[in-house]
Amino acid sequence: MTESFIYANGRISGAETTLLDQRMWQMLMSSASDEEALRLLGDTWYGGFMQFHSMEECFVKAMEATEDELIELSEDERLVRGILHRRDVRNARYIWKSLLSGTGPEGEIEIERSGLIETEILRKAVVSVEVRDELPPLFLRSLEELLENDRVTTMQVDRKMDLLAAAVERDELVEINSGFRSFVMTSIEQKNFLTAGRCSVDGVSRQEVCELLLPGGYHTEDEIVEAYQRRILPGLLAETPGFDGIVAAFEEALDAGFFLGFEKECDRILLELLEKGAFPVFGPSPLAAFVIRREMEIRHLRLLLAAKSAGVKEDRLKKRLPRG
C-alpha cells in the first residue's frame, strides 16, 4: 500500500505549491478593496477558475478540481468515500432544508456536483420510501429522524446535518491514521467549545446546549455541559491536548461576548495539524490533508472577500484570519 502511494504523494507535493503562500496572504489582507483582492487572486492558481460568473462558482469549481485530483490519485477507498460524502452532506443540507422547511423553491438551491450520492436521490428520498433505501445508512438515519417531526425547521435540519457531517468524519476519516484522528477530534472539540461559549454569552439552558454538542471530541457532551453549568468551561478546555495556548483567547471571548479571536486561534491549530501533523510520508493522509487545506483556504478567502466588500479594515480582519 505504501509503495502504491509514492506517485500520488509526489503529485500532491507538487500541488501544494498552488496553495497561497504567506506573501500572497499579506497582499490580500492589505488590499484596499475586494476588486484589488480579486486582481491579486487572478494571478494565482485560482485565476484559472475566474472565468465563471461569480466567485462562489469559482470556488466551487476549484474545490471540485482538488477533489477530482484526490479521486484520481488515491487507492484508499475510505479516503475517497470520506471526502466525497462530506460533499454529499453539504448537498443534503441544501436540498433537505429547502424541501422540509420550505425555505425556498428547490430550483434556486445552489448545490454542488454529486459526491457518491446523486442529488436526484437526495431529493426523491424525501418523499419516496423506495428511493430512500438507496441512501447510505448514516444518511438514511438522519433523514428518517427529520421526517419524524410534524414540522421541520431550518435549525433542526442544520443540527441534524452537523451531526451527520461529524459522523461521516468519525466513521470514514479517523481510521486513516492516528494523526488524522487527532485532526478530526480537534475539529469537533473546537466546534463544541465555540458552541458552548456562545451559548454561555446568550444564557442558553443546559438542555439546549446538550442538544447542540457533537460527539467525537476529546471531551464528552456530558463533561462539557457540566462545565457549562458550573461556569468552568476554560478550565475544561485547558485539559484538551494542544489547547492550553488558546485558553486565554477563549476567556477573552467569553468576557467580550464575541469569538473572532478564538475562531482565529482554532483555525491556526487546525492549519498547523494539517501542515505539520504526524502523518506518514507515504499513504492517504497527505492527500486528505491537502484537500482539507484547500477547503480551509477557500473558506478564508470567502471571509476575506466578504470583509473587503463590506469595507472591513485590515486590523479587524487580522483578528479573525490566521493568515499573512
Foldseek 3Di string as FASTA:
>chain_A
DQVLQPVVLVVLVVVVVLFDDQVLLVCLLQDQFLVRNVVSCCPGPLVVQVVDPDVVSSLLVVLVVLLVSLVVRDPDPLLLQLVQVLLVLVLLLQQCQCVQQVPDDSVPGDHHCHRPDHSVLSNCLLPDVVSLVVDPPLVSVLSVVQVVDPHHHSVSSVQSSVQSNLVSCVVRPCVQDVLRLQLSQLVLVLVLLVLLLLCLLVVPDLVVSLSRHYPRHPDGSVVCSVCSVVVNNLVVQCPHPPRVVCSVLSVVCSVVNHRQQVQQVSVVVSLCSLVPNPDDSGGSSVSSSSSVSSVVSSVLVVVSNVCSNVSHHSVVNVSRHPGD
